[in-house]
PDB file of all heavy atoms in Angstrom:
ATOM      1  N   PHE A   1       3.359  -0.257   6.077  1.00  0.00           N
ATOM      2  CA  PHE A   1       1.966  -0.086   6.470  1.00  0.00           C
ATOM      3  C   PHE A   1       1.400  -1.413   6.969  1.00  0.00           C
ATOM      4  O   PHE A   1       1.696  -2.477   6.432  1.00  0.00           O
ATOM      5  CB  PHE A   1       1.128   0.433   5.297  1.00  0.00           C
ATOM      6  CG  PHE A   1       1.432   1.852   4.924  1.00  0.00           C
ATOM      7  CD1 PHE A   1       2.040   2.159   3.710  1.00  0.00           C
ATOM      8  CD2 PHE A   1       1.127   2.892   5.790  1.00  0.00           C
ATOM      9  CE1 PHE A   1       2.319   3.475   3.364  1.00  0.00           C
ATOM     10  CE2 PHE A   1       1.409   4.213   5.459  1.00  0.00           C
ATOM     11  CZ  PHE A   1       2.004   4.499   4.244  1.00  0.00           C
ATOM     12  N   GLY A   2       0.572  -1.351   8.016  1.00  0.00           N
ATOM     13  CA  GLY A   2      -0.010  -2.550   8.587  1.00  0.00           C
ATOM     14  C   GLY A   2      -0.948  -3.262   7.619  1.00  0.00           C
ATOM     15  O   GLY A   2      -1.523  -2.645   6.715  1.00  0.00           O
ATOM     16  N   TRP A   3      -1.109  -4.578   7.822  1.00  0.00           N
ATOM     17  CA  TRP A   3      -2.044  -5.367   7.006  1.00  0.00           C
ATOM     18  C   TRP A   3      -3.405  -5.309   7.691  1.00  0.00           C
ATOM     19  O   TRP A   3      -3.637  -5.941   8.716  1.00  0.00           O
ATOM     20  CB  TRP A   3      -1.553  -6.813   6.896  1.00  0.00           C
ATOM     21  CG  TRP A   3      -2.396  -7.638   5.967  1.00  0.00           C
ATOM     22  CD1 TRP A   3      -3.328  -8.567   6.303  1.00  0.00           C
ATOM     23  CD2 TRP A   3      -2.383  -7.592   4.537  1.00  0.00           C
ATOM     24  NE1 TRP A   3      -3.902  -9.120   5.175  1.00  0.00           N
ATOM     25  CE2 TRP A   3      -3.333  -8.533   4.068  1.00  0.00           C
ATOM     26  CE3 TRP A   3      -1.653  -6.861   3.592  1.00  0.00           C
ATOM     27  CZ2 TRP A   3      -3.580  -8.760   2.723  1.00  0.00           C
ATOM     28  CZ3 TRP A   3      -1.910  -7.090   2.248  1.00  0.00           C
ATOM     29  CH2 TRP A   3      -2.843  -8.026   1.830  1.00  0.00           C
ATOM     30  N   ARG A   4      -4.295  -4.507   7.113  1.00  0.00           N
ATOM     31  CA  ARG A   4      -5.565  -4.193   7.765  1.00  0.00           C
ATOM     32  C   ARG A   4      -6.734  -4.686   6.911  1.00  0.00           C
ATOM     33  O   ARG A   4      -7.182  -4.001   5.990  1.00  0.00           O
ATOM     34  CB  ARG A   4      -5.664  -2.693   8.015  1.00  0.00           C
ATOM     35  CG  ARG A   4      -4.520  -2.184   8.887  1.00  0.00           C
ATOM     36  CD  ARG A   4      -4.451  -0.683   8.969  1.00  0.00           C
ATOM     37  NE  ARG A   4      -3.246  -0.267   9.690  1.00  0.00           N
ATOM     38  CZ  ARG A   4      -2.770   0.975   9.702  1.00  0.00           C
ATOM     39  NH1 ARG A   4      -3.404   1.929   9.030  1.00  0.00           N
ATOM     40  NH2 ARG A   4      -1.667   1.261  10.372  1.00  0.00           N
ATOM     41  N   PRO A   5      -7.230  -5.891   7.200  1.00  0.00           N
ATOM     42  CA  PRO A   5      -8.287  -6.485   6.376  1.00  0.00           C
ATOM     43  C   PRO A   5      -9.523  -5.607   6.245  1.00  0.00           C
ATOM     44  O   PRO A   5     -10.149  -5.565   5.181  1.00  0.00           O
ATOM     45  CB  PRO A   5      -8.608  -7.794   7.109  1.00  0.00           C
ATOM     46  CG  PRO A   5      -7.330  -8.162   7.797  1.00  0.00           C
ATOM     47  CD  PRO A   5      -6.737  -6.849   8.227  1.00  0.00           C
ATOM     48  N   ARG A   6      -9.907  -4.906   7.293  1.00  0.00           N
ATOM     49  CA  ARG A   6     -11.102  -4.056   7.205  1.00  0.00           C
ATOM     50  C   ARG A   6     -10.910  -2.972   6.142  1.00  0.00           C
ATOM     51  O   ARG A   6     -11.811  -2.681   5.355  1.00  0.00           O
ATOM     52  CB  ARG A   6     -11.391  -3.403   8.558  1.00  0.00           C
ATOM     53  CG  ARG A   6     -11.778  -4.363   9.673  1.00  0.00           C
ATOM     54  CD  ARG A   6     -12.518  -3.588  10.755  1.00  0.00           C
ATOM     55  NE  ARG A   6     -12.362  -4.170  12.075  1.00  0.00           N
ATOM     56  CZ  ARG A   6     -12.908  -3.662  13.173  1.00  0.00           C
ATOM     57  NH1 ARG A   6     -13.618  -2.539  13.107  1.00  0.00           N
ATOM     58  NH2 ARG A   6     -12.742  -4.237  14.345  1.00  0.00           N
ATOM     59  N   ASP A   7      -9.738  -2.351   6.134  1.00  0.00           N
ATOM     60  CA  ASP A   7      -9.463  -1.304   5.148  1.00  0.00           C
ATOM     61  C   ASP A   7      -9.463  -1.873   3.736  1.00  0.00           C
ATOM     62  O   ASP A   7      -9.961  -1.246   2.792  1.00  0.00           O
ATOM     63  CB  ASP A   7      -8.106  -0.649   5.429  1.00  0.00           C
ATOM     64  CG  ASP A   7      -8.093   0.144   6.731  1.00  0.00           C
ATOM     65  OD1 ASP A   7      -9.147   0.241   7.377  1.00  0.00           O
ATOM     66  OD2 ASP A   7      -7.021   0.661   7.096  1.00  0.00           O
ATOM     67  N   ILE A   8      -8.883  -3.047   3.592  1.00  0.00           N
ATOM     68  CA  ILE A   8      -8.807  -3.668   2.267  1.00  0.00           C
ATOM     69  C   ILE A   8     -10.206  -3.979   1.742  1.00  0.00           C
ATOM     70  O   ILE A   8     -10.533  -3.700   0.588  1.00  0.00           O
ATOM     71  CB  ILE A   8      -7.952  -4.954   2.333  1.00  0.00           C
ATOM     72  CG1 ILE A   8      -6.497  -4.595   2.681  1.00  0.00           C
ATOM     73  CG2 ILE A   8      -8.006  -5.702   0.997  1.00  0.00           C
ATOM     74  CD1 ILE A   8      -5.634  -5.799   3.018  1.00  0.00           C
ATOM     75  N   ARG A   9     -11.062  -4.521   2.608  1.00  0.00           N
ATOM     76  CA  ARG A   9     -12.423  -4.858   2.191  1.00  0.00           C
ATOM     77  C   ARG A   9     -13.207  -3.627   1.735  1.00  0.00           C
ATOM     78  O   ARG A   9     -14.011  -3.697   0.809  1.00  0.00           O
ATOM     79  CB  ARG A   9     -13.181  -5.525   3.346  1.00  0.00           C
ATOM     80  CG  ARG A   9     -12.684  -6.897   3.723  1.00  0.00           C
ATOM     81  CD  ARG A   9     -13.599  -7.556   4.757  1.00  0.00           C
ATOM     82  NE  ARG A   9     -12.899  -8.617   5.458  1.00  0.00           N
ATOM     83  CZ  ARG A   9     -12.452  -8.531   6.708  1.00  0.00           C
ATOM     84  NH1 ARG A   9     -12.649  -7.430   7.400  1.00  0.00           N
ATOM     85  NH2 ARG A   9     -11.832  -9.545   7.262  1.00  0.00           N
ATOM     86  N   PHE A  10     -12.969  -2.501   2.405  1.00  0.00           N
ATOM     87  CA  PHE A  10     -13.748  -1.300   2.121  1.00  0.00           C
ATOM     88  C   PHE A  10     -13.027  -0.298   1.218  1.00  0.00           C
ATOM     89  O   PHE A  10     -13.447   0.841   1.074  1.00  0.00           O
ATOM     90  CB  PHE A  10     -14.164  -0.627   3.439  1.00  0.00           C
ATOM     91  CG  PHE A  10     -15.250  -1.360   4.165  1.00  0.00           C
ATOM     92  CD1 PHE A  10     -14.934  -2.245   5.180  1.00  0.00           C
ATOM     93  CD2 PHE A  10     -16.574  -1.198   3.814  1.00  0.00           C
ATOM     94  CE1 PHE A  10     -15.936  -2.942   5.853  1.00  0.00           C
ATOM     95  CE2 PHE A  10     -17.580  -1.883   4.479  1.00  0.00           C
ATOM     96  CZ  PHE A  10     -17.256  -2.763   5.495  1.00  0.00           C
ATOM     97  N   GLY A  11     -11.908  -0.730   0.622  1.00  0.00           N
ATOM     98  CA  GLY A  11     -11.264   0.110  -0.384  1.00  0.00           C
ATOM     99  C   GLY A  11     -10.374   1.196   0.155  1.00  0.00           C
ATOM    100  O   GLY A  11     -10.051   2.149  -0.562  1.00  0.00           O
ATOM    101  N   LEU A  12      -9.910   1.070   1.409  1.00  0.00           N
ATOM    102  CA  LEU A  12      -9.060   2.118   1.985  1.00  0.00           C
ATOM    103  C   LEU A  12      -7.619   1.665   2.148  1.00  0.00           C
ATOM    104  O   LEU A  12      -6.856   2.259   2.894  1.00  0.00           O
ATOM    105  CB  LEU A  12      -9.621   2.565   3.340  1.00  0.00           C
ATOM    106  CG  LEU A  12     -10.885   3.414   3.235  1.00  0.00           C
ATOM    107  CD1 LEU A  12     -11.448   3.696   4.612  1.00  0.00           C
ATOM    108  CD2 LEU A  12     -10.599   4.717   2.512  1.00  0.00           C
ATOM    109  N   ALA A  13      -7.235   0.616   1.437  1.00  0.00           N
ATOM    110  CA  ALA A  13      -5.829   0.235   1.398  1.00  0.00           C
ATOM    111  C   ALA A  13      -5.109   1.167   0.436  1.00  0.00           C
ATOM    112  O   ALA A  13      -5.694   2.072  -0.140  1.00  0.00           O
ATOM    113  CB  ALA A  13      -5.698  -1.226   0.957  1.00  0.00           C
ATOM    114  N   MET A  14      -3.794   0.979   0.300  1.00  0.00           N
ATOM    115  CA  MET A  14      -3.037   1.752  -0.674  1.00  0.00           C
ATOM    116  C   MET A  14      -2.718   0.865  -1.870  1.00  0.00           C
ATOM    117  O   MET A  14      -2.049  -0.140  -1.714  1.00  0.00           O
ATOM    118  CB  MET A  14      -1.738   2.282  -0.053  1.00  0.00           C
ATOM    119  CG  MET A  14      -1.965   3.468   0.868  1.00  0.00           C
ATOM    120  SD  MET A  14      -2.613   4.864  -0.060  1.00  0.00           S
ATOM    121  CE  MET A  14      -3.012   6.008   1.264  1.00  0.00           C
ATOM    122  N   PRO A  15      -3.178   1.214  -3.104  1.00  0.00           N
ATOM    123  CA  PRO A  15      -3.920   2.439  -3.395  1.00  0.00           C
ATOM    124  C   PRO A  15      -5.391   2.317  -3.002  1.00  0.00           C
ATOM    125  O   PRO A  15      -5.964   1.235  -3.065  1.00  0.00           O
ATOM    126  CB  PRO A  15      -3.790   2.561  -4.914  1.00  0.00           C
ATOM    127  CG  PRO A  15      -3.649   1.151  -5.383  1.00  0.00           C
ATOM    128  CD  PRO A  15      -2.866   0.433  -4.317  1.00  0.00           C
ATOM    129  N   PRO A  16      -6.016   3.423  -2.586  1.00  0.00           N
ATOM    130  CA  PRO A  16      -7.434   3.386  -2.231  1.00  0.00           C
ATOM    131  C   PRO A  16      -8.286   3.210  -3.474  1.00  0.00           C
ATOM    132  O   PRO A  16      -7.873   3.511  -4.580  1.00  0.00           O
ATOM    133  CB  PRO A  16      -7.662   4.758  -1.584  1.00  0.00           C
ATOM    134  CG  PRO A  16      -6.614   5.640  -2.177  1.00  0.00           C
ATOM    135  CD  PRO A  16      -5.439   4.768  -2.442  1.00  0.00           C
ATOM    136  N   ARG A  17      -9.502   2.707  -3.286  1.00  0.00           N
ATOM    137  CA  ARG A  17     -10.405   2.553  -4.415  1.00  0.00           C
ATOM    138  C   ARG A  17     -11.824   2.857  -3.952  1.00  0.00           C
ATOM    139  O   ARG A  17     -12.195   2.613  -2.805  1.00  0.00           O
ATOM    140  CB  ARG A  17     -10.329   1.133  -4.992  1.00  0.00           C
ATOM    141  CG  ARG A  17     -10.594   0.056  -3.966  1.00  0.00           C
ATOM    142  CD  ARG A  17     -10.266  -1.346  -4.483  1.00  0.00           C
ATOM    143  NE  ARG A  17     -10.337  -2.335  -3.427  1.00  0.00           N
ATOM    144  CZ  ARG A  17     -11.448  -2.930  -3.028  1.00  0.00           C
ATOM    145  NH1 ARG A  17     -12.597  -2.650  -3.624  1.00  0.00           N
ATOM    146  NH2 ARG A  17     -11.440  -3.814  -2.058  1.00  0.00           N
ATOM    147  N   MET A  18     -12.618   3.428  -4.827  1.00  0.00           N
ATOM    148  CA  MET A  18     -14.014   3.727  -4.530  1.00  0.00           C
ATOM    149  C   MET A  18     -14.884   2.683  -5.213  1.00  0.00           C
ATOM    150  O   MET A  18     -14.859   2.562  -6.440  1.00  0.00           O
ATOM    151  CB  MET A  18     -14.385   5.130  -5.003  1.00  0.00           C
ATOM    152  CG  MET A  18     -15.805   5.540  -4.635  1.00  0.00           C
ATOM    153  SD  MET A  18     -16.167   5.426  -2.866  1.00  0.00           S
ATOM    154  CE  MET A  18     -15.079   6.698  -2.214  1.00  0.00           C
ATOM    155  N   THR A  19     -15.589   1.902  -4.421  1.00  0.00           N
ATOM    156  CA  THR A  19     -16.420   0.831  -4.949  1.00  0.00           C
ATOM    157  C   THR A  19     -17.887   1.257  -4.963  1.00  0.00           C
ATOM    158  O   THR A  19     -18.279   2.243  -4.334  1.00  0.00           O
ATOM    159  CB  THR A  19     -16.270  -0.432  -4.087  1.00  0.00           C
ATOM    160  OG1 THR A  19     -16.813  -0.162  -2.779  1.00  0.00           O
ATOM    161  CG2 THR A  19     -14.812  -0.840  -3.958  1.00  0.00           C
ATOM    162  N   LEU A  20     -18.695   0.471  -5.665  1.00  0.00           N
ATOM    163  CA  LEU A  20     -20.134   0.713  -5.675  1.00  0.00           C
ATOM    164  C   LEU A  20     -20.695   0.641  -4.250  1.00  0.00           C
ATOM    165  O   LEU A  20     -21.546   1.437  -3.857  1.00  0.00           O
ATOM    166  CB  LEU A  20     -20.827  -0.309  -6.577  1.00  0.00           C
ATOM    167  CG  LEU A  20     -22.370  -0.230  -6.625  1.00  0.00           C
ATOM    168  CD1 LEU A  20     -22.823   1.127  -7.141  1.00  0.00           C
ATOM    169  CD2 LEU A  20     -22.915  -1.363  -7.485  1.00  0.00           C
ATOM    170  N   ASN A  21     -20.173  -0.303  -3.476  1.00  0.00           N
ATOM    171  CA  ASN A  21     -20.618  -0.452  -2.094  1.00  0.00           C
ATOM    172  C   ASN A  21     -20.329   0.822  -1.292  1.00  0.00           C
ATOM    173  O   ASN A  21     -21.165   1.275  -0.496  1.00  0.00           O
ATOM    174  CB  ASN A  21     -19.922  -1.656  -1.452  1.00  0.00           C
ATOM    175  CG  ASN A  21     -20.445  -1.935  -0.047  1.00  0.00           C
ATOM    176  OD1 ASN A  21     -21.613  -1.726   0.252  1.00  0.00           O
ATOM    177  ND2 ASN A  21     -19.569  -2.403   0.814  1.00  0.00           N
ATOM    178  N   ASN A  22     -19.152   1.411  -1.492  1.00  0.00           N
ATOM    179  CA  ASN A  22     -18.807   2.644  -0.790  1.00  0.00           C
ATOM    180  C   ASN A  22     -19.750   3.785  -1.179  1.00  0.00           C
ATOM    181  O   ASN A  22     -20.154   4.592  -0.340  1.00  0.00           O
ATOM    182  CB  ASN A  22     -17.358   3.041  -1.085  1.00  0.00           C
ATOM    183  CG  ASN A  22     -16.354   2.117  -0.419  1.00  0.00           C
ATOM    184  OD1 ASN A  22     -16.729   1.235   0.354  1.00  0.00           O
ATOM    185  ND2 ASN A  22     -15.088   2.309  -0.721  1.00  0.00           N
ATOM    186  N   ILE A  23     -20.068   3.852  -2.458  1.00  0.00           N
ATOM    187  CA  ILE A  23     -20.973   4.908  -2.936  1.00  0.00           C
ATOM    188  C   ILE A  23     -22.362   4.740  -2.302  1.00  0.00           C
ATOM    189  O   ILE A  23     -22.998   5.724  -1.883  1.00  0.00           O
ATOM    190  CB  ILE A  23     -21.062   4.870  -4.470  1.00  0.00           C
ATOM    191  CG1 ILE A  23     -19.697   5.240  -5.074  1.00  0.00           C
ATOM    192  CG2 ILE A  23     -22.145   5.820  -4.975  1.00  0.00           C
ATOM    193  CD1 ILE A  23     -19.605   5.019  -6.574  1.00  0.00           C
ATOM    194  N   ILE A  24     -22.810   3.507  -2.195  1.00  0.00           N
ATOM    195  CA  ILE A  24     -24.103   3.245  -1.551  1.00  0.00           C
ATOM    196  C   ILE A  24     -24.062   3.663  -0.081  1.00  0.00           C
ATOM    197  O   ILE A  24     -25.017   4.240   0.453  1.00  0.00           O
ATOM    198  CB  ILE A  24     -24.471   1.748  -1.693  1.00  0.00           C
ATOM    199  CG1 ILE A  24     -24.739   1.415  -3.167  1.00  0.00           C
ATOM    200  CG2 ILE A  24     -25.690   1.403  -0.826  1.00  0.00           C
ATOM    201  CD1 ILE A  24     -24.906  -0.075  -3.426  1.00  0.00           C
ATOM    202  N   GLN A  25     -22.938   3.386   0.577  1.00  0.00           N
ATOM    203  CA  GLN A  25     -22.790   3.780   1.980  1.00  0.00           C
ATOM    204  C   GLN A  25     -22.881   5.304   2.142  1.00  0.00           C
ATOM    205  O   GLN A  25     -23.492   5.804   3.093  1.00  0.00           O
ATOM    206  CB  GLN A  25     -21.446   3.293   2.523  1.00  0.00           C
ATOM    207  CG  GLN A  25     -21.318   1.798   2.677  1.00  0.00           C
ATOM    208  CD  GLN A  25     -19.899   1.408   3.009  1.00  0.00           C
ATOM    209  OE1 GLN A  25     -19.215   2.086   3.776  1.00  0.00           O
ATOM    210  NE2 GLN A  25     -19.424   0.320   2.431  1.00  0.00           N
ATOM    211  N   ILE A  26     -22.238   6.020   1.249  1.00  0.00           N
ATOM    212  CA  ILE A  26     -22.280   7.482   1.305  1.00  0.00           C
ATOM    213  C   ILE A  26     -23.709   7.979   1.157  1.00  0.00           C
ATOM    214  O   ILE A  26     -24.167   8.859   1.896  1.00  0.00           O
ATOM    215  CB  ILE A  26     -21.374   8.077   0.211  1.00  0.00           C
ATOM    216  CG1 ILE A  26     -19.895   7.793   0.531  1.00  0.00           C
ATOM    217  CG2 ILE A  26     -21.601   9.592   0.081  1.00  0.00           C
ATOM    218  CD1 ILE A  26     -18.945   8.172  -0.592  1.00  0.00           C
ATOM    219  N   MET A  27     -24.449   7.386   0.209  1.00  0.00           N
ATOM    220  CA  MET A  27     -25.835   7.795  -0.019  1.00  0.00           C
ATOM    221  C   MET A  27     -26.714   7.508   1.207  1.00  0.00           C
ATOM    222  O   MET A  27     -27.694   8.205   1.458  1.00  0.00           O
ATOM    223  CB  MET A  27     -26.391   7.074  -1.243  1.00  0.00           C
ATOM    224  CG  MET A  27     -25.706   7.476  -2.547  1.00  0.00           C
ATOM    225  SD  MET A  27     -26.238   6.474  -3.961  1.00  0.00           S
ATOM    226  CE  MET A  27     -27.986   6.907  -4.047  1.00  0.00           C
ATOM    227  N   ALA A  28     -26.321   6.501   1.993  1.00  0.00           N
ATOM    228  CA  ALA A  28     -27.089   6.138   3.188  1.00  0.00           C
ATOM    229  C   ALA A  28     -26.780   7.038   4.377  1.00  0.00           C
ATOM    230  O   ALA A  28     -27.436   6.932   5.423  1.00  0.00           O
ATOM    231  CB  ALA A  28     -26.814   4.683   3.560  1.00  0.00           C
TER     232      ALA A  28
END
């Protein structure tokens, strides 16, 4: 899998993770 800094910052690397920031984005 490619090294994708944007995905890593936002929790979409493997394994994926759901952060507080992501939850706030969803609410927005």
